[in-house]
N, C-alpha and C. Protein backbone atom coordinates (compact mmCIF):
# COMPACT_ATOMS: atom_id res chain seq x y z
N UNK A 1 94.70 91.32 125.01
CA UNK A 1 96.11 91.73 125.08
C UNK A 1 96.39 92.64 123.87
N UNK A 2 96.96 93.81 124.09
CA UNK A 2 97.38 94.68 123.04
C UNK A 2 98.58 95.51 123.57
N UNK A 3 99.31 96.17 122.73
CA UNK A 3 100.45 96.94 123.21
C UNK A 3 99.99 98.11 124.13
N UNK A 4 100.74 98.37 125.17
CA UNK A 4 100.51 99.58 125.98
C UNK A 4 101.08 100.82 125.23
N UNK A 5 102.17 100.58 124.50
CA UNK A 5 102.79 101.62 123.71
C UNK A 5 103.77 101.01 122.72
N UNK A 6 104.11 101.79 121.70
CA UNK A 6 105.19 101.41 120.81
C UNK A 6 105.85 102.66 120.28
N UNK A 7 107.07 102.51 119.78
CA UNK A 7 107.79 103.62 119.19
C UNK A 7 108.32 103.27 117.84
N UNK A 8 108.32 104.23 116.93
CA UNK A 8 108.89 104.01 115.61
C UNK A 8 109.53 105.24 115.06
N UNK A 9 110.40 105.08 114.06
CA UNK A 9 111.18 106.17 113.47
C UNK A 9 110.81 106.26 112.00
N UNK A 10 110.63 107.50 111.51
CA UNK A 10 110.29 107.71 110.10
C UNK A 10 111.42 108.57 109.48
N UNK A 11 112.36 107.97 108.76
CA UNK A 11 113.34 108.79 108.03
C UNK A 11 112.65 109.74 107.06
N UNK A 12 113.32 110.79 106.67
CA UNK A 12 112.66 111.84 105.86
C UNK A 12 112.24 111.29 104.54
N UNK A 13 113.02 110.45 103.85
CA UNK A 13 112.72 110.01 102.50
C UNK A 13 112.33 108.57 102.46
N UNK A 14 111.33 108.26 101.61
CA UNK A 14 110.88 106.90 101.42
C UNK A 14 111.96 106.12 100.65
N UNK A 15 112.23 104.89 101.06
CA UNK A 15 113.21 104.05 100.41
C UNK A 15 112.58 102.90 99.65
N UNK A 16 111.29 102.61 99.88
CA UNK A 16 110.58 101.49 99.26
C UNK A 16 109.22 101.90 98.78
N UNK A 17 108.73 101.18 97.80
CA UNK A 17 107.32 101.29 97.43
C UNK A 17 106.52 100.41 98.40
N UNK A 18 105.35 100.85 98.82
CA UNK A 18 104.52 99.98 99.72
C UNK A 18 104.10 98.76 98.97
N UNK A 19 104.29 97.58 99.63
CA UNK A 19 103.89 96.30 99.01
C UNK A 19 102.43 96.04 99.18
N UNK A 20 102.01 94.88 98.65
CA UNK A 20 100.64 94.43 98.85
C UNK A 20 100.36 94.26 100.34
N UNK A 21 99.18 94.69 100.77
CA UNK A 21 98.80 94.67 102.17
C UNK A 21 98.80 93.22 102.70
N UNK A 22 99.65 92.87 103.66
CA UNK A 22 99.63 91.50 104.18
C UNK A 22 98.37 91.20 105.00
N UNK A 23 98.17 89.96 105.32
CA UNK A 23 97.11 89.57 106.22
C UNK A 23 97.53 89.62 107.68
N UNK A 24 96.61 89.85 108.57
CA UNK A 24 96.90 89.83 109.98
C UNK A 24 97.17 88.43 110.45
N UNK A 25 98.14 88.29 111.39
CA UNK A 25 98.48 86.95 111.86
C UNK A 25 98.96 87.00 113.33
N UNK A 26 98.89 85.85 113.97
CA UNK A 26 99.43 85.73 115.29
C UNK A 26 100.91 86.00 115.29
N UNK A 27 101.38 86.51 116.40
CA UNK A 27 102.86 86.78 116.49
C UNK A 27 103.52 85.50 116.91
N UNK A 28 104.35 84.87 116.05
CA UNK A 28 105.02 83.60 116.37
C UNK A 28 106.05 83.75 117.48
N UNK A 29 106.45 84.96 117.83
CA UNK A 29 107.49 85.14 118.83
C UNK A 29 106.89 85.14 120.25
N UNK A 30 105.55 85.13 120.36
CA UNK A 30 104.93 85.16 121.64
C UNK A 30 104.26 83.83 121.98
N UNK A 31 104.32 83.45 123.26
CA UNK A 31 103.64 82.21 123.67
C UNK A 31 102.14 82.36 123.54
N UNK A 32 101.65 83.55 123.88
CA UNK A 32 100.24 83.82 123.75
C UNK A 32 100.06 85.08 122.93
N UNK A 33 99.34 84.95 121.81
CA UNK A 33 99.13 86.11 120.92
C UNK A 33 97.67 86.14 120.53
N UNK A 34 97.07 87.31 120.42
CA UNK A 34 95.69 87.44 119.89
C UNK A 34 95.64 86.87 118.50
N UNK A 35 94.48 86.48 118.08
CA UNK A 35 94.23 86.03 116.70
C UNK A 35 93.50 87.10 115.94
N UNK A 36 93.67 87.11 114.63
CA UNK A 36 92.98 88.11 113.82
C UNK A 36 91.44 87.92 113.98
N UNK A 37 91.02 86.69 114.15
CA UNK A 37 89.56 86.42 114.28
C UNK A 37 88.97 86.93 115.56
N UNK A 38 89.80 87.29 116.52
CA UNK A 38 89.30 87.81 117.79
C UNK A 38 88.53 89.08 117.59
N UNK A 39 88.81 89.82 116.50
CA UNK A 39 88.12 91.11 116.27
C UNK A 39 86.92 90.97 115.37
N UNK A 40 86.67 89.77 114.86
CA UNK A 40 85.53 89.60 113.92
C UNK A 40 84.22 89.90 114.58
N UNK A 41 83.37 90.69 113.86
CA UNK A 41 82.03 90.99 114.31
C UNK A 41 81.94 91.68 115.63
N UNK A 42 83.00 92.38 116.00
CA UNK A 42 83.02 93.16 117.27
C UNK A 42 82.62 94.61 117.06
N UNK A 43 82.70 95.11 115.81
CA UNK A 43 82.49 96.56 115.56
C UNK A 43 83.76 97.37 115.68
N UNK A 44 84.90 96.72 116.01
CA UNK A 44 86.18 97.41 116.12
C UNK A 44 87.09 96.99 115.04
N UNK A 45 87.88 97.99 114.54
CA UNK A 45 88.94 97.69 113.58
C UNK A 45 90.19 97.14 114.32
N UNK A 46 91.00 96.46 113.54
CA UNK A 46 92.32 96.01 114.01
C UNK A 46 93.25 97.24 113.79
N UNK A 47 93.46 98.05 114.78
CA UNK A 47 94.18 99.27 114.68
C UNK A 47 95.69 99.08 114.84
N UNK A 48 96.44 99.52 113.86
CA UNK A 48 97.91 99.42 113.95
C UNK A 48 98.44 100.42 114.98
N UNK A 49 99.39 99.96 115.77
CA UNK A 49 100.15 100.92 116.62
C UNK A 49 101.33 101.47 115.84
N UNK A 50 102.26 100.61 115.42
CA UNK A 50 103.27 101.07 114.40
C UNK A 50 102.62 100.94 113.07
N UNK A 51 102.48 102.01 112.31
CA UNK A 51 101.59 102.01 111.09
C UNK A 51 102.21 101.25 109.92
N UNK A 52 101.33 100.60 109.21
CA UNK A 52 101.73 99.85 108.01
C UNK A 52 102.48 100.73 106.98
N UNK A 53 101.90 101.80 106.54
CA UNK A 53 102.45 102.54 105.41
C UNK A 53 103.79 103.21 105.78
N UNK A 54 103.88 103.77 106.94
CA UNK A 54 105.18 104.38 107.31
C UNK A 54 106.28 103.38 107.37
N UNK A 55 106.07 102.24 107.99
CA UNK A 55 107.10 101.23 108.08
C UNK A 55 107.41 100.63 106.72
N UNK A 56 106.37 100.38 105.88
CA UNK A 56 106.60 99.78 104.54
C UNK A 56 107.42 100.67 103.66
N UNK A 57 107.15 101.97 103.64
CA UNK A 57 107.90 102.88 102.73
C UNK A 57 109.30 103.21 103.20
N UNK A 58 109.58 103.04 104.51
CA UNK A 58 110.88 103.35 105.03
C UNK A 58 111.77 102.14 105.22
N UNK A 59 111.16 101.00 105.53
CA UNK A 59 111.99 99.83 105.93
C UNK A 59 111.71 98.56 105.12
N UNK A 60 110.74 98.58 104.19
CA UNK A 60 110.62 97.47 103.26
C UNK A 60 109.57 96.42 103.64
N UNK A 61 109.46 95.40 102.82
CA UNK A 61 108.33 94.40 102.90
C UNK A 61 108.43 93.54 104.19
N UNK A 62 109.59 93.15 104.63
CA UNK A 62 109.69 92.30 105.83
C UNK A 62 109.18 93.11 107.06
N UNK A 63 109.62 94.33 107.17
CA UNK A 63 109.19 95.21 108.29
C UNK A 63 107.67 95.45 108.15
N UNK A 64 107.17 95.63 106.95
CA UNK A 64 105.76 95.84 106.76
C UNK A 64 104.98 94.63 107.27
N UNK A 65 105.41 93.47 106.93
CA UNK A 65 104.73 92.23 107.34
C UNK A 65 104.65 92.17 108.87
N UNK A 66 105.71 92.62 109.52
CA UNK A 66 105.70 92.57 110.98
C UNK A 66 104.69 93.48 111.64
N UNK A 67 104.33 94.57 110.94
CA UNK A 67 103.26 95.46 111.51
C UNK A 67 101.92 94.78 111.52
N UNK A 68 101.76 93.67 110.78
CA UNK A 68 100.48 92.94 110.79
C UNK A 68 100.44 91.80 111.78
N UNK A 69 101.51 91.66 112.57
CA UNK A 69 101.40 90.76 113.73
C UNK A 69 100.38 91.30 114.72
N UNK A 70 99.61 90.46 115.31
CA UNK A 70 98.54 90.91 116.21
C UNK A 70 99.11 91.49 117.50
N UNK A 71 100.37 91.34 117.74
CA UNK A 71 101.00 92.01 118.89
C UNK A 71 101.15 93.52 118.66
N UNK A 72 100.93 93.95 117.41
CA UNK A 72 101.00 95.37 117.07
C UNK A 72 99.62 95.98 116.90
N UNK A 73 98.60 95.29 117.31
CA UNK A 73 97.23 95.68 117.01
C UNK A 73 96.45 95.97 118.30
N UNK A 74 95.55 96.96 118.29
CA UNK A 74 94.66 97.29 119.38
C UNK A 74 93.29 97.69 118.82
N UNK A 75 92.25 97.48 119.56
CA UNK A 75 90.90 97.79 119.07
C UNK A 75 90.68 99.29 118.91
N UNK A 76 90.23 99.68 117.69
CA UNK A 76 89.91 101.06 117.43
C UNK A 76 88.57 101.10 116.68
N UNK A 77 87.75 102.08 117.00
CA UNK A 77 86.49 102.23 116.30
C UNK A 77 86.83 102.60 114.84
N UNK A 78 85.95 102.23 113.88
CA UNK A 78 86.22 102.62 112.48
C UNK A 78 86.42 104.10 112.33
N UNK A 79 85.64 104.95 113.05
CA UNK A 79 85.74 106.40 112.88
C UNK A 79 87.08 106.88 113.35
N UNK A 80 87.62 106.27 114.37
CA UNK A 80 88.97 106.65 114.86
C UNK A 80 90.07 106.16 113.88
N UNK A 81 90.03 104.88 113.60
CA UNK A 81 91.10 104.24 112.80
C UNK A 81 91.17 104.79 111.40
N UNK A 82 89.99 104.99 110.76
CA UNK A 82 89.98 105.43 109.37
C UNK A 82 89.81 106.95 109.23
N UNK A 83 89.67 107.64 110.32
CA UNK A 83 89.48 109.07 110.32
C UNK A 83 90.67 109.86 110.86
N UNK A 84 90.50 110.33 112.07
CA UNK A 84 91.53 111.24 112.64
C UNK A 84 92.90 110.57 112.80
N UNK A 85 92.88 109.24 113.16
CA UNK A 85 94.15 108.54 113.35
C UNK A 85 94.87 108.41 112.02
N UNK A 86 94.19 108.07 110.98
CA UNK A 86 94.76 107.96 109.64
C UNK A 86 95.27 109.31 109.17
N UNK A 87 94.50 110.39 109.51
CA UNK A 87 94.93 111.75 109.14
C UNK A 87 96.29 112.07 109.76
N UNK A 88 96.42 111.74 111.05
CA UNK A 88 97.69 112.04 111.77
C UNK A 88 98.83 111.23 111.13
N UNK A 89 98.58 109.92 110.91
CA UNK A 89 99.63 109.10 110.33
C UNK A 89 100.05 109.61 108.97
N UNK A 90 99.09 110.05 108.11
CA UNK A 90 99.39 110.60 106.83
C UNK A 90 100.24 111.86 106.90
N UNK A 91 99.90 112.71 107.84
CA UNK A 91 100.70 113.89 108.02
C UNK A 91 102.14 113.57 108.43
N UNK A 92 102.30 112.60 109.33
CA UNK A 92 103.63 112.25 109.80
C UNK A 92 104.49 111.72 108.65
N UNK A 93 103.97 110.73 107.91
CA UNK A 93 104.84 110.02 106.98
C UNK A 93 104.97 110.73 105.65
N UNK A 94 103.95 111.45 105.21
CA UNK A 94 104.00 112.10 103.89
C UNK A 94 104.19 113.59 103.88
N UNK A 95 103.74 114.29 104.93
CA UNK A 95 103.72 115.75 104.88
C UNK A 95 104.76 116.37 105.85
N UNK A 96 104.76 115.91 107.07
CA UNK A 96 105.66 116.50 108.06
C UNK A 96 107.12 116.12 107.78
N UNK A 97 107.41 114.90 107.35
CA UNK A 97 108.77 114.57 107.04
C UNK A 97 109.29 115.44 105.91
N UNK A 98 108.43 115.71 104.92
CA UNK A 98 108.82 116.57 103.76
C UNK A 98 109.16 117.98 104.22
N UNK A 99 108.45 118.46 105.23
CA UNK A 99 108.63 119.86 105.67
C UNK A 99 109.62 119.98 106.83
N UNK A 100 109.62 119.00 107.74
CA UNK A 100 110.31 119.18 109.01
C UNK A 100 111.45 118.15 109.29
N UNK A 101 111.67 117.21 108.35
CA UNK A 101 112.77 116.27 108.56
C UNK A 101 112.35 114.97 109.15
N UNK A 102 113.31 114.18 109.63
CA UNK A 102 113.00 112.84 110.13
C UNK A 102 112.19 112.97 111.44
N UNK A 103 111.36 111.94 111.69
CA UNK A 103 110.40 111.99 112.77
C UNK A 103 110.49 110.72 113.64
N UNK A 104 110.33 110.95 114.93
CA UNK A 104 110.20 109.83 115.87
C UNK A 104 108.79 109.92 116.50
N UNK A 105 108.15 108.78 116.71
CA UNK A 105 106.83 108.77 117.21
C UNK A 105 106.72 107.72 118.32
N UNK A 106 106.04 108.07 119.43
CA UNK A 106 105.66 107.10 120.45
C UNK A 106 104.13 107.12 120.47
N UNK A 107 103.56 105.92 120.35
CA UNK A 107 102.09 105.77 120.31
C UNK A 107 101.68 104.88 121.45
N UNK A 108 100.53 105.21 122.08
CA UNK A 108 100.08 104.39 123.19
C UNK A 108 98.58 104.40 123.38
N UNK A 109 98.13 103.55 124.28
CA UNK A 109 96.70 103.39 124.56
C UNK A 109 96.45 103.48 126.03
N UNK A 110 95.33 104.09 126.42
CA UNK A 110 94.94 104.14 127.83
C UNK A 110 93.63 103.36 128.00
N UNK A 111 93.69 102.40 128.88
CA UNK A 111 92.50 101.54 129.13
C UNK A 111 91.94 101.93 130.53
N UNK A 112 90.78 102.47 130.53
CA UNK A 112 90.10 102.92 131.74
C UNK A 112 88.70 102.32 131.75
N UNK A 113 88.45 101.51 132.74
CA UNK A 113 87.12 100.82 132.84
C UNK A 113 87.19 99.36 132.47
N UNK A 114 88.23 98.95 131.69
CA UNK A 114 88.48 97.56 131.41
C UNK A 114 87.34 96.83 130.68
N UNK A 115 86.65 97.58 129.77
CA UNK A 115 85.63 96.88 128.91
C UNK A 115 86.41 95.94 127.99
N UNK A 116 85.90 94.75 127.76
CA UNK A 116 86.55 93.73 127.00
C UNK A 116 85.96 93.55 125.65
N UNK A 117 86.75 93.06 124.72
CA UNK A 117 86.37 92.74 123.35
C UNK A 117 85.72 91.36 123.36
N UNK A 118 84.38 91.32 123.53
CA UNK A 118 83.72 90.02 123.60
C UNK A 118 84.34 89.16 124.72
N UNK A 119 84.54 87.91 124.44
CA UNK A 119 85.13 87.02 125.50
C UNK A 119 86.58 86.74 125.25
N UNK A 120 87.23 87.60 124.49
CA UNK A 120 88.64 87.40 124.15
C UNK A 120 89.62 87.77 125.26
N UNK A 121 89.18 88.60 126.19
CA UNK A 121 90.08 89.10 127.21
C UNK A 121 90.83 90.32 126.80
N UNK A 122 90.69 90.75 125.54
CA UNK A 122 91.39 91.96 125.07
C UNK A 122 90.63 93.15 125.56
N UNK A 123 91.34 94.03 126.30
CA UNK A 123 90.63 95.22 126.78
C UNK A 123 90.54 96.31 125.71
N UNK A 124 89.50 97.12 125.76
CA UNK A 124 89.24 98.12 124.79
C UNK A 124 89.73 99.46 125.33
N UNK A 125 90.77 100.07 124.76
CA UNK A 125 91.23 101.37 125.23
C UNK A 125 90.15 102.44 125.09
N UNK A 126 90.19 103.33 126.03
CA UNK A 126 89.23 104.48 125.98
C UNK A 126 89.84 105.64 125.25
N UNK A 127 91.16 105.75 125.21
CA UNK A 127 91.86 106.85 124.56
C UNK A 127 93.18 106.36 123.98
N UNK A 128 93.63 107.00 122.91
CA UNK A 128 94.90 106.74 122.31
C UNK A 128 95.73 108.06 122.29
N UNK A 129 97.02 107.95 122.38
CA UNK A 129 97.87 109.14 122.36
C UNK A 129 99.07 108.94 121.45
N UNK A 130 99.67 110.04 121.04
CA UNK A 130 100.89 110.08 120.28
C UNK A 130 101.76 111.20 120.74
N UNK A 131 103.05 110.94 120.79
CA UNK A 131 104.08 112.01 120.91
C UNK A 131 104.89 111.99 119.69
N UNK A 132 104.97 113.11 118.99
CA UNK A 132 105.64 113.21 117.66
C UNK A 132 106.80 114.22 117.82
N UNK A 133 108.00 113.79 117.44
CA UNK A 133 109.16 114.63 117.51
C UNK A 133 109.84 114.65 116.16
N UNK A 134 110.15 115.86 115.66
CA UNK A 134 110.80 116.01 114.38
C UNK A 134 112.12 116.73 114.54
N UNK A 135 113.12 116.36 113.78
CA UNK A 135 114.42 116.99 113.82
C UNK A 135 114.91 117.25 112.42
N UNK A 136 115.25 118.49 112.17
CA UNK A 136 115.90 118.90 110.94
C UNK A 136 117.19 119.65 111.31
N UNK A 137 118.30 119.00 111.21
CA UNK A 137 119.52 119.60 111.72
C UNK A 137 119.48 119.75 113.20
N UNK A 138 119.71 120.94 113.69
CA UNK A 138 119.67 121.20 115.16
C UNK A 138 118.26 121.64 115.65
N UNK A 139 117.35 121.82 114.72
CA UNK A 139 116.01 122.25 115.05
C UNK A 139 115.17 121.02 115.47
N UNK A 140 114.58 121.10 116.64
CA UNK A 140 113.75 120.03 117.20
C UNK A 140 112.38 120.62 117.52
N UNK A 141 111.31 119.93 117.17
CA UNK A 141 109.98 120.31 117.54
C UNK A 141 109.24 119.06 117.98
N UNK A 142 108.22 119.29 118.87
CA UNK A 142 107.49 118.13 119.38
C UNK A 142 106.04 118.55 119.68
N UNK A 143 105.18 117.58 119.56
CA UNK A 143 103.76 117.79 119.96
C UNK A 143 103.20 116.50 120.47
N UNK A 144 102.07 116.59 121.18
CA UNK A 144 101.38 115.37 121.71
C UNK A 144 99.89 115.50 121.42
N UNK A 145 99.26 114.35 121.17
CA UNK A 145 97.81 114.30 120.93
C UNK A 145 97.20 113.23 121.81
N UNK A 146 96.00 113.48 122.25
CA UNK A 146 95.21 112.50 123.05
C UNK A 146 93.81 112.44 122.44
N UNK A 147 93.44 111.30 121.89
CA UNK A 147 92.21 111.14 121.12
C UNK A 147 91.30 110.12 121.77
N UNK A 148 90.02 110.44 121.96
CA UNK A 148 89.06 109.49 122.55
C UNK A 148 88.72 108.43 121.57
N UNK A 149 88.46 107.24 122.10
CA UNK A 149 88.06 106.07 121.27
C UNK A 149 86.80 106.37 120.49
N UNK A 150 85.83 107.10 121.06
CA UNK A 150 84.57 107.35 120.42
C UNK A 150 84.56 108.67 119.65
N UNK A 151 85.71 109.06 119.11
CA UNK A 151 85.84 110.30 118.33
C UNK A 151 84.91 110.23 117.12
N UNK A 152 84.25 111.35 116.76
CA UNK A 152 83.43 111.35 115.55
C UNK A 152 84.22 111.30 114.27
N UNK A 153 83.60 110.82 113.27
CA UNK A 153 84.19 110.78 111.91
C UNK A 153 84.61 112.19 111.44
N UNK A 154 85.77 112.24 110.85
CA UNK A 154 86.32 113.46 110.30
C UNK A 154 86.52 114.53 111.40
N UNK A 155 86.85 114.12 112.59
CA UNK A 155 87.24 115.08 113.64
C UNK A 155 88.51 115.80 113.20
N UNK A 156 88.72 116.97 113.64
CA UNK A 156 89.92 117.77 113.31
C UNK A 156 91.01 117.48 114.33
N UNK A 157 92.15 116.94 113.89
CA UNK A 157 93.23 116.51 114.83
C UNK A 157 93.69 117.57 115.78
N UNK A 158 93.68 118.80 115.38
CA UNK A 158 94.18 119.91 116.27
C UNK A 158 93.36 120.02 117.52
N UNK A 159 92.16 119.52 117.54
CA UNK A 159 91.29 119.56 118.75
C UNK A 159 91.88 118.73 119.89
N UNK A 160 92.76 117.82 119.53
CA UNK A 160 93.24 116.82 120.49
C UNK A 160 94.69 117.06 120.90
N UNK A 161 95.22 118.25 120.61
CA UNK A 161 96.52 118.58 121.04
C UNK A 161 96.58 118.81 122.57
N UNK A 162 97.58 118.28 123.22
CA UNK A 162 97.82 118.56 124.64
C UNK A 162 99.32 118.74 124.83
N UNK A 163 99.71 119.22 125.97
CA UNK A 163 101.13 119.34 126.27
C UNK A 163 101.74 117.98 126.63
N UNK A 164 103.00 117.80 126.34
CA UNK A 164 103.65 116.54 126.66
C UNK A 164 103.70 116.38 128.21
N UNK A 165 103.82 117.47 128.96
CA UNK A 165 103.77 117.43 130.39
C UNK A 165 102.45 116.80 130.91
N UNK A 166 101.33 117.21 130.29
CA UNK A 166 100.03 116.67 130.66
C UNK A 166 99.99 115.16 130.37
N UNK A 167 100.51 114.79 129.23
CA UNK A 167 100.51 113.37 128.89
C UNK A 167 101.35 112.54 129.76
N UNK A 168 102.49 113.07 130.18
CA UNK A 168 103.38 112.40 131.12
C UNK A 168 102.67 112.17 132.46
N UNK A 169 101.89 113.17 132.92
CA UNK A 169 101.13 112.97 134.18
C UNK A 169 100.14 111.88 134.05
N UNK A 170 99.52 111.74 132.87
CA UNK A 170 98.49 110.68 132.72
C UNK A 170 99.10 109.28 132.58
N UNK A 171 100.23 109.20 131.89
CA UNK A 171 100.79 107.89 131.60
C UNK A 171 101.91 107.42 132.54
N UNK A 172 102.58 108.36 133.18
CA UNK A 172 103.70 108.04 134.00
C UNK A 172 105.00 107.84 133.23
N UNK A 173 104.94 108.12 131.94
CA UNK A 173 106.19 107.98 131.12
C UNK A 173 106.97 109.31 131.06
N UNK A 174 108.26 109.23 130.85
CA UNK A 174 109.15 110.42 130.63
C UNK A 174 109.60 110.36 129.23
N UNK A 175 108.99 111.14 128.33
CA UNK A 175 109.20 110.95 126.92
C UNK A 175 110.48 111.55 126.35
N UNK A 176 110.94 112.65 126.79
CA UNK A 176 112.05 113.30 126.13
C UNK A 176 113.28 113.40 127.04
N UNK A 177 113.51 112.33 127.81
CA UNK A 177 114.50 112.34 128.88
C UNK A 177 115.93 112.48 128.36
N UNK A 178 116.13 112.13 127.10
CA UNK A 178 117.50 112.17 126.54
C UNK A 178 117.92 113.56 126.10
N UNK A 179 117.01 114.50 126.04
CA UNK A 179 117.33 115.85 125.71
C UNK A 179 117.94 116.61 126.89
N UNK A 180 118.62 117.70 126.62
CA UNK A 180 119.08 118.46 127.78
C UNK A 180 117.87 119.08 128.50
N UNK A 181 118.05 119.41 129.77
CA UNK A 181 116.93 119.76 130.62
C UNK A 181 116.17 120.99 130.11
N UNK A 182 116.88 121.97 129.59
CA UNK A 182 116.20 123.24 129.13
C UNK A 182 115.37 122.94 127.90
N UNK A 183 115.94 122.15 126.96
CA UNK A 183 115.20 121.86 125.76
C UNK A 183 113.95 120.99 126.08
N UNK A 184 114.19 120.02 126.92
CA UNK A 184 113.10 119.16 127.34
C UNK A 184 111.98 119.94 127.98
N UNK A 185 112.27 120.81 128.92
CA UNK A 185 111.27 121.61 129.62
C UNK A 185 110.53 122.53 128.65
N UNK A 186 111.21 123.11 127.70
CA UNK A 186 110.57 123.99 126.76
C UNK A 186 109.58 123.21 125.87
N UNK A 187 110.03 122.08 125.34
CA UNK A 187 109.18 121.30 124.40
C UNK A 187 107.97 120.67 125.17
N UNK A 188 108.19 120.22 126.36
CA UNK A 188 107.13 119.48 127.05
C UNK A 188 106.05 120.39 127.68
N UNK A 189 106.43 121.61 127.97
CA UNK A 189 105.48 122.49 128.64
C UNK A 189 104.52 123.18 127.65
N UNK A 190 104.88 123.25 126.44
CA UNK A 190 104.05 123.98 125.43
C UNK A 190 102.89 123.08 124.93
N UNK A 191 101.72 123.69 124.79
CA UNK A 191 100.62 123.01 124.09
C UNK A 191 100.33 123.82 122.82
N UNK A 192 100.73 123.27 121.68
CA UNK A 192 100.48 124.03 120.43
C UNK A 192 99.05 124.36 120.19
N UNK A 193 98.78 125.45 119.54
CA UNK A 193 97.39 125.82 119.25
C UNK A 193 96.98 125.31 117.87
N UNK A 194 97.92 124.75 117.13
CA UNK A 194 97.60 124.23 115.79
C UNK A 194 98.60 123.10 115.48
N UNK A 195 98.28 122.35 114.45
CA UNK A 195 99.19 121.33 113.92
C UNK A 195 100.37 121.98 113.21
N UNK A 196 101.45 121.24 113.04
CA UNK A 196 102.58 121.78 112.32
C UNK A 196 102.13 122.11 110.89
N UNK A 197 102.58 123.26 110.34
CA UNK A 197 102.24 123.57 108.97
C UNK A 197 102.88 122.61 107.98
N UNK A 198 102.25 122.51 106.81
CA UNK A 198 102.75 121.65 105.74
C UNK A 198 103.03 122.56 104.52
N UNK A 199 103.74 121.99 103.57
CA UNK A 199 104.04 122.77 102.35
C UNK A 199 102.73 123.01 101.57
N UNK A 200 102.68 124.16 100.92
CA UNK A 200 101.48 124.51 100.22
C UNK A 200 101.10 123.47 99.15
N UNK A 201 102.11 122.94 98.50
CA UNK A 201 101.80 121.93 97.43
C UNK A 201 101.34 120.60 98.04
N UNK A 202 101.45 120.40 99.33
CA UNK A 202 100.97 119.16 99.92
C UNK A 202 99.49 119.22 100.38
N UNK A 203 98.93 120.40 100.29
CA UNK A 203 97.53 120.53 100.63
C UNK A 203 96.65 119.69 99.72
N UNK A 204 97.00 119.59 98.47
CA UNK A 204 96.22 118.79 97.50
C UNK A 204 96.26 117.33 97.89
N UNK A 205 97.41 116.84 98.36
CA UNK A 205 97.51 115.41 98.80
C UNK A 205 96.62 115.16 100.00
N UNK A 206 96.55 116.07 100.95
CA UNK A 206 95.72 115.94 102.08
C UNK A 206 94.21 115.92 101.71
N UNK A 207 93.88 116.85 100.80
CA UNK A 207 92.49 116.92 100.36
C UNK A 207 92.05 115.65 99.61
N UNK A 208 92.94 115.11 98.78
CA UNK A 208 92.59 113.90 98.05
C UNK A 208 92.41 112.75 99.02
N UNK A 209 93.25 112.66 100.04
CA UNK A 209 93.10 111.56 101.03
C UNK A 209 91.75 111.70 101.76
N UNK A 210 91.41 112.90 102.16
CA UNK A 210 90.15 113.14 102.86
C UNK A 210 88.97 112.78 101.94
N UNK A 211 89.03 113.16 100.67
CA UNK A 211 87.91 112.81 99.76
C UNK A 211 87.78 111.31 99.58
N UNK A 212 88.88 110.62 99.44
CA UNK A 212 88.80 109.15 99.27
C UNK A 212 88.30 108.50 100.53
N UNK A 213 88.73 108.99 101.71
CA UNK A 213 88.28 108.44 102.99
C UNK A 213 86.81 108.67 103.15
N UNK A 214 86.33 109.86 102.81
CA UNK A 214 84.91 110.16 102.95
C UNK A 214 84.08 109.21 102.05
N UNK A 215 84.56 108.95 100.84
CA UNK A 215 83.83 108.11 99.92
C UNK A 215 83.81 106.68 100.45
N UNK A 216 84.94 106.15 100.93
CA UNK A 216 84.97 104.83 101.50
C UNK A 216 84.12 104.73 102.76
N UNK A 217 84.09 105.76 103.53
CA UNK A 217 83.27 105.74 104.77
C UNK A 217 81.80 105.74 104.39
N UNK A 218 81.42 106.53 103.43
CA UNK A 218 80.02 106.52 102.99
C UNK A 218 79.59 105.14 102.46
N UNK A 219 80.45 104.53 101.72
CA UNK A 219 80.17 103.16 101.19
C UNK A 219 79.99 102.15 102.34
N UNK A 220 80.90 102.27 103.31
CA UNK A 220 80.86 101.30 104.45
C UNK A 220 79.58 101.41 105.25
N UNK A 221 79.05 102.66 105.38
CA UNK A 221 77.85 102.86 106.14
C UNK A 221 76.61 102.38 105.42
N UNK A 222 76.70 102.16 104.10
CA UNK A 222 75.54 101.67 103.32
C UNK A 222 75.45 100.16 103.30
N UNK A 223 76.54 99.47 103.74
CA UNK A 223 76.53 98.01 103.72
C UNK A 223 75.67 97.43 104.78
């Protein structure tokens, strides 16, 4: 059991310092919840749907703790979770908010083939998707990404851009229904050829993150 999708909001400015990383735990609000140990020795990471850092810096420690409930977790390969997925999350919370204003995100998983995580009954998604919408005043922009579970390490996120219309056909969801019809049609039909630009001074932040991730990845492969 894992979320089919979740949605979260990232205000433009951080209001909190990220706290100490909590431990994963069963969701006490559910009668049946996966356990953190269900992922042990499976080769899959406990992948956040609503991300730890974004929620921690915008909504504080209680909200951060809730992101570590196993009801917010889905199986992701290390290369996906620590690579391209982390890259996208970093751009959303640190770079795109600074350039384009507050952001709304819908994240989901597609399970095709129903391969299971050992004998836990948790299915392993084959692909993950995101719809990202930014608003700065009256200006609205949107993009969608669809990333395979077996994505290689340090894959370039722009390779996985698709139109929101295409993603709606795959998922059956209507993502921008609250917008007026003309704006919705314009945003959903376009498939960007590149990721949203970031401020020049933020390039150093992105490069530092990639360098640290590459170092940690190299260390993990030597264990």
